[in-house]
Structures are given as C-alpha cells and as structure tokens.
Protein backbone atom coordinates (compact mmCIF):
# COMPACT_ATOMS: atom_id res chain seq x y z
CA MET A 1 -28.17 -14.99 -83.03
CA ILE A 2 -27.08 -17.19 -86.00
CA GLU A 3 -26.40 -14.96 -89.42
CA PHE A 4 -27.26 -16.47 -92.56
CA ASP A 5 -24.01 -15.20 -94.34
CA LYS A 6 -21.72 -17.19 -91.99
CA VAL A 7 -23.37 -20.34 -92.24
CA PHE A 8 -21.25 -23.25 -94.36
CA ARG A 9 -23.93 -25.90 -94.39
CA SER A 10 -27.11 -27.16 -92.76
CA TYR A 11 -28.54 -30.58 -92.14
CA ASN A 12 -32.34 -31.43 -91.59
CA GLY A 13 -33.65 -35.02 -91.04
CA ALA A 14 -34.88 -37.84 -88.76
CA ARG A 15 -33.21 -38.58 -85.67
CA GLY A 16 -30.28 -41.18 -85.74
CA CYS A 17 -27.66 -41.42 -88.23
CA MET A 18 -26.32 -37.95 -89.81
CA CYS A 19 -24.70 -39.62 -92.78
CA GLY A 20 -27.31 -38.40 -95.11
CA CYS A 21 -29.41 -41.51 -95.23
CA ASN A 22 -32.04 -39.77 -92.79
CA GLY A 23 -32.13 -36.49 -94.10
CA LYS A 24 -30.40 -34.01 -96.02
CA TYR A 25 -27.31 -31.61 -96.05
CA SER A 26 -27.70 -28.27 -97.74
CA LEU A 27 -25.18 -25.51 -98.71
CA PRO A 28 -26.06 -21.84 -99.42
CA GLU A 29 -25.53 -20.59 -102.77
CA ARG A 30 -21.97 -19.16 -103.13
CA PRO A 31 -20.19 -17.77 -106.13
CA ALA A 32 -17.54 -20.54 -105.71
CA LEU A 33 -20.21 -23.43 -105.70
CA ALA A 34 -21.78 -22.21 -108.99
CA ASP A 35 -19.39 -24.35 -110.88
CA SER A 36 -20.09 -27.41 -108.71
CA SER A 37 -21.41 -30.26 -110.98
CA ASP A 38 -23.67 -31.60 -108.22
CA GLU A 39 -25.97 -28.55 -107.57
CA SER A 40 -28.83 -30.65 -105.79
CA ASN A 41 -27.55 -29.71 -102.39
CA ILE A 42 -27.38 -26.11 -103.03
CA SER A 43 -30.39 -24.57 -101.32
CA ASN A 44 -30.61 -21.19 -99.69
CA ARG A 45 -34.33 -21.85 -98.71
CA SER A 46 -33.24 -25.03 -96.89
CA VAL A 47 -30.38 -23.32 -94.90
CA ARG A 48 -32.71 -20.26 -94.20
CA ILE A 49 -35.27 -22.44 -92.78
CA ALA A 50 -32.70 -24.38 -90.53
CA VAL A 51 -31.17 -20.93 -89.27
CA ASN A 52 -34.65 -19.33 -88.57
CA LYS A 53 -35.72 -22.50 -86.78
CA LEU A 54 -32.69 -22.56 -84.64
CA ASN A 55 -32.77 -18.71 -84.14
CA ARG A 56 -36.44 -19.14 -82.82
CA THR A 57 -35.69 -22.02 -80.51
CA LEU A 58 -32.27 -21.62 -78.82
CA ASP A 59 -31.70 -19.34 -75.76
CA PHE A 60 -28.46 -17.75 -76.70
CA SER A 61 -27.81 -16.73 -73.16
CA HIS A 62 -27.91 -20.33 -72.15
CA PRO A 63 -24.36 -21.79 -71.14
CA VAL A 64 -24.64 -24.81 -73.40
CA VAL A 65 -25.54 -22.69 -76.22
CA MET A 66 -22.54 -20.63 -75.46
CA ASP A 67 -20.52 -24.02 -76.09
CA MET A 68 -22.35 -24.27 -79.33
CA VAL A 69 -21.06 -20.66 -80.27
CA GLU A 70 -17.41 -21.62 -79.51
CA LEU A 71 -17.88 -24.93 -81.50
CA GLY A 72 -19.51 -23.23 -84.48
CA ILE A 73 -22.20 -25.74 -84.54
CA PHE A 74 -25.77 -25.21 -83.43
CA TRP A 75 -28.49 -27.94 -83.14
CA ASN A 76 -32.03 -28.75 -82.27
CA ILE A 77 -33.29 -32.49 -81.75
CA GLY A 78 -36.85 -31.73 -81.06
CA GLY A 79 -39.95 -33.44 -82.62
CA GLY A 80 -38.01 -36.36 -83.87
CA ARG A 81 -35.81 -34.35 -86.17
CA ASN A 82 -32.33 -32.95 -86.15
CA THR A 83 -31.79 -29.44 -87.18
CA VAL A 84 -27.82 -28.60 -87.56
CA VAL A 85 -26.19 -25.53 -88.72
CA TYR A 86 -22.46 -25.44 -89.13
CA MET A 87 -20.69 -22.11 -89.33
CA LYS A 88 -17.61 -21.05 -91.18
C-alpha cells in the first residue's frame, strides 16, 4: 500500500514522453516547499488522486509490483494515461 506521506512526487499524463509536455508532475505540500517561487506544481489533491488510483489498481503481492516497491516507483499505464508515484 502506498502511503501519501511517503510520496515525493507524482505524474499524470498521456502515454509517451514524460518530460512534462504530455502531463503534469505534482508535489505534495511540504513546509520546506512553502518558500518555493513556483507553487503551480504543488497539489496535495493531484498527488492523492494518483496514490488512490494506484492503491486501487495494483496487486501488492504480485512479483512485478514487489520490484516497484524496491525501486520506490509505482506506475499504471492503463486507459491511455500514465500515472506514476515516486517515493522518498
């Protein structure tokens, strides 16, 4: 199970390039980020949506998902979209 407070950032966008041109990276709000000059990518809501989607769709007992746990990166590429969560 992915815990929100352990997430570094998330990505949601169309399949393909993940440089940000097809989607958006989001950061959870943290006190250290409060001084950031670019707050447009800070969104607890977007990060929670990604976490909830992955928690609903991933089978955390599957060997591939266990590898994801080791890497600290979880993803789902269903429905023509990429949803990715990067852990701290």
